[in-house]
Amino acid sequence: MQNPPGSRSHMENLQGCVSAGDINSSNPFDYMDNEYYENIKSLGEDAIPVLLEGHQSEQYSGLMDYLAMYLVWDISGNTDAKELGQCENAEQMYDAWIEFEMENL
């Protein structure tokens, strides 16, 4: 299966987020305040399907997966949704996103 268009850029930017963050921090939000995160976010809603596919295909793992799933919520402007607030990991964020989308069709 081929990677979705633009996925390499997403992957490179997610890797950049991890590299730019404080290696001693276990707080994922410490890895979001950088140009790499903003590069993906600036792509807008077009980035969401690529980020979701990266999660589904297990292209992302660990911190990169968490950042990708948080970006889905951030790009959509829904970081204050109660569903996201209950999530502790990327898989929960993905499941909550699918449920949130179904409820808000």
Protein backbone atom coordinates (compact mmCIF):
# COMPACT_ATOMS: atom_id res chain seq x y z
CA MET A 1 0.00 0.00 0.00
CA GLN A 2 1.35 3.40 -0.94
CA ASN A 3 1.62 6.16 1.61
CA PRO A 4 -1.02 8.87 1.29
CA PRO A 5 0.09 12.07 -0.45
CA GLY A 6 2.04 14.27 1.92
CA SER A 7 2.55 11.55 4.53
CA ARG A 8 6.33 11.77 4.33
CA SER A 9 6.13 15.42 5.26
CA HIS A 10 3.85 14.55 8.17
CA MET A 11 6.22 11.85 9.34
CA GLU A 12 9.23 14.14 9.09
CA ASN A 13 7.41 16.86 11.00
CA LEU A 14 6.29 14.42 13.71
CA GLN A 15 9.87 13.23 14.04
CA GLY A 16 10.89 16.89 14.26
CA CYS A 17 8.42 17.42 17.12
CA VAL A 18 10.03 14.59 19.04
CA SER A 19 13.55 15.85 18.31
CA ALA A 20 12.70 19.45 19.24
CA GLY A 21 11.11 18.50 22.57
CA ASP A 22 12.79 18.13 25.93
CA ILE A 23 14.09 14.58 25.92
CA ASN A 24 13.73 14.46 29.71
CA SER A 25 10.03 15.35 29.62
CA SER A 26 7.27 12.79 29.78
CA ASN A 27 4.67 15.48 29.07
CA PRO A 28 3.56 15.24 25.41
CA PHE A 29 2.59 18.91 25.41
CA ASP A 30 6.27 19.80 25.77
CA TYR A 31 6.72 18.45 22.25
CA MET A 32 4.01 20.60 20.64
CA ASP A 33 5.45 24.09 20.97
CA ASN A 34 7.64 24.08 17.88
CA GLU A 35 7.66 24.77 14.16
CA TYR A 36 7.21 21.10 13.24
CA TYR A 37 3.91 20.82 15.08
CA GLU A 38 2.78 24.11 13.55
CA ASN A 39 3.80 22.91 10.06
CA ILE A 40 1.36 20.03 10.28
CA LYS A 41 -1.33 22.10 11.96
CA SER A 42 -1.08 24.75 9.21
CA LEU A 43 -2.10 22.15 6.62
CA GLY A 44 -5.57 22.28 8.12
CA GLU A 45 -8.26 19.67 7.69
CA ASP A 46 -6.45 18.09 4.73
CA ALA A 47 -3.95 16.68 7.23
CA ILE A 48 -6.57 14.84 9.29
CA PRO A 49 -7.08 11.83 6.97
CA VAL A 50 -3.31 11.39 6.60
CA LEU A 51 -2.82 11.50 10.38
CA LEU A 52 -5.66 9.03 10.93
CA GLU A 53 -4.23 6.69 8.27
CA GLY A 54 -0.80 6.91 9.89
CA HIS A 55 -2.34 5.76 13.16
CA GLN A 56 -4.47 3.02 11.59
CA SER A 57 -1.56 1.60 9.61
CA GLU A 58 0.69 1.76 12.69
CA GLN A 59 3.07 4.02 10.80
CA TYR A 60 3.33 6.10 13.97
CA SER A 61 4.13 4.75 17.41
CA GLY A 62 4.59 6.04 20.93
CA LEU A 63 4.96 9.78 21.24
CA MET A 64 4.63 10.34 17.48
CA ASP A 65 1.27 8.54 17.51
CA TYR A 66 0.10 10.60 20.48
CA LEU A 67 1.11 13.82 18.73
CA ALA A 68 -0.59 12.74 15.50
CA MET A 69 -3.86 11.95 17.24
CA TYR A 70 -3.76 15.15 19.29
CA LEU A 71 -3.19 17.08 16.06
CA VAL A 72 -6.42 15.60 14.66
CA TRP A 73 -8.32 17.12 17.57
CA ASP A 74 -6.32 20.37 17.47
CA ILE A 75 -6.75 20.94 13.72
CA SER A 76 -10.48 20.36 14.03
CA GLY A 77 -10.70 22.89 16.87
CA ASN A 78 -12.03 20.35 19.34
CA THR A 79 -9.31 20.12 21.98
CA ASP A 80 -11.83 21.14 24.61
CA ALA A 81 -14.19 18.24 23.82
CA LYS A 82 -15.00 16.11 26.85
CA GLU A 83 -14.26 12.98 24.81
CA LEU A 84 -10.63 14.03 24.35
CA GLY A 85 -10.25 14.95 28.02
CA GLN A 86 -10.93 11.36 28.98
CA CYS A 87 -8.13 9.95 26.79
CA GLU A 88 -4.78 8.80 28.10
CA ASN A 89 -3.17 7.47 24.92
CA ALA A 90 -3.29 7.64 21.13
CA GLU A 91 -5.55 4.61 20.75
CA GLN A 92 -8.13 6.14 23.09
CA MET A 93 -7.88 9.46 21.21
CA TYR A 94 -8.48 7.64 17.92
CA ASP A 95 -11.49 5.75 19.28
CA ALA A 96 -12.90 8.93 20.82
CA TRP A 97 -12.39 10.78 17.51
CA ILE A 98 -14.36 8.16 15.57
CA GLU A 99 -17.16 8.32 18.14
CA PHE A 100 -17.07 12.15 18.18
CA GLU A 101 -17.28 12.27 14.38
CA MET A 102 -20.24 9.86 14.32
CA GLU A 103 -22.10 11.95 16.89
CA ASN A 104 -21.44 15.19 15.04
CA LEU A 105 -22.32 14.20 11.46
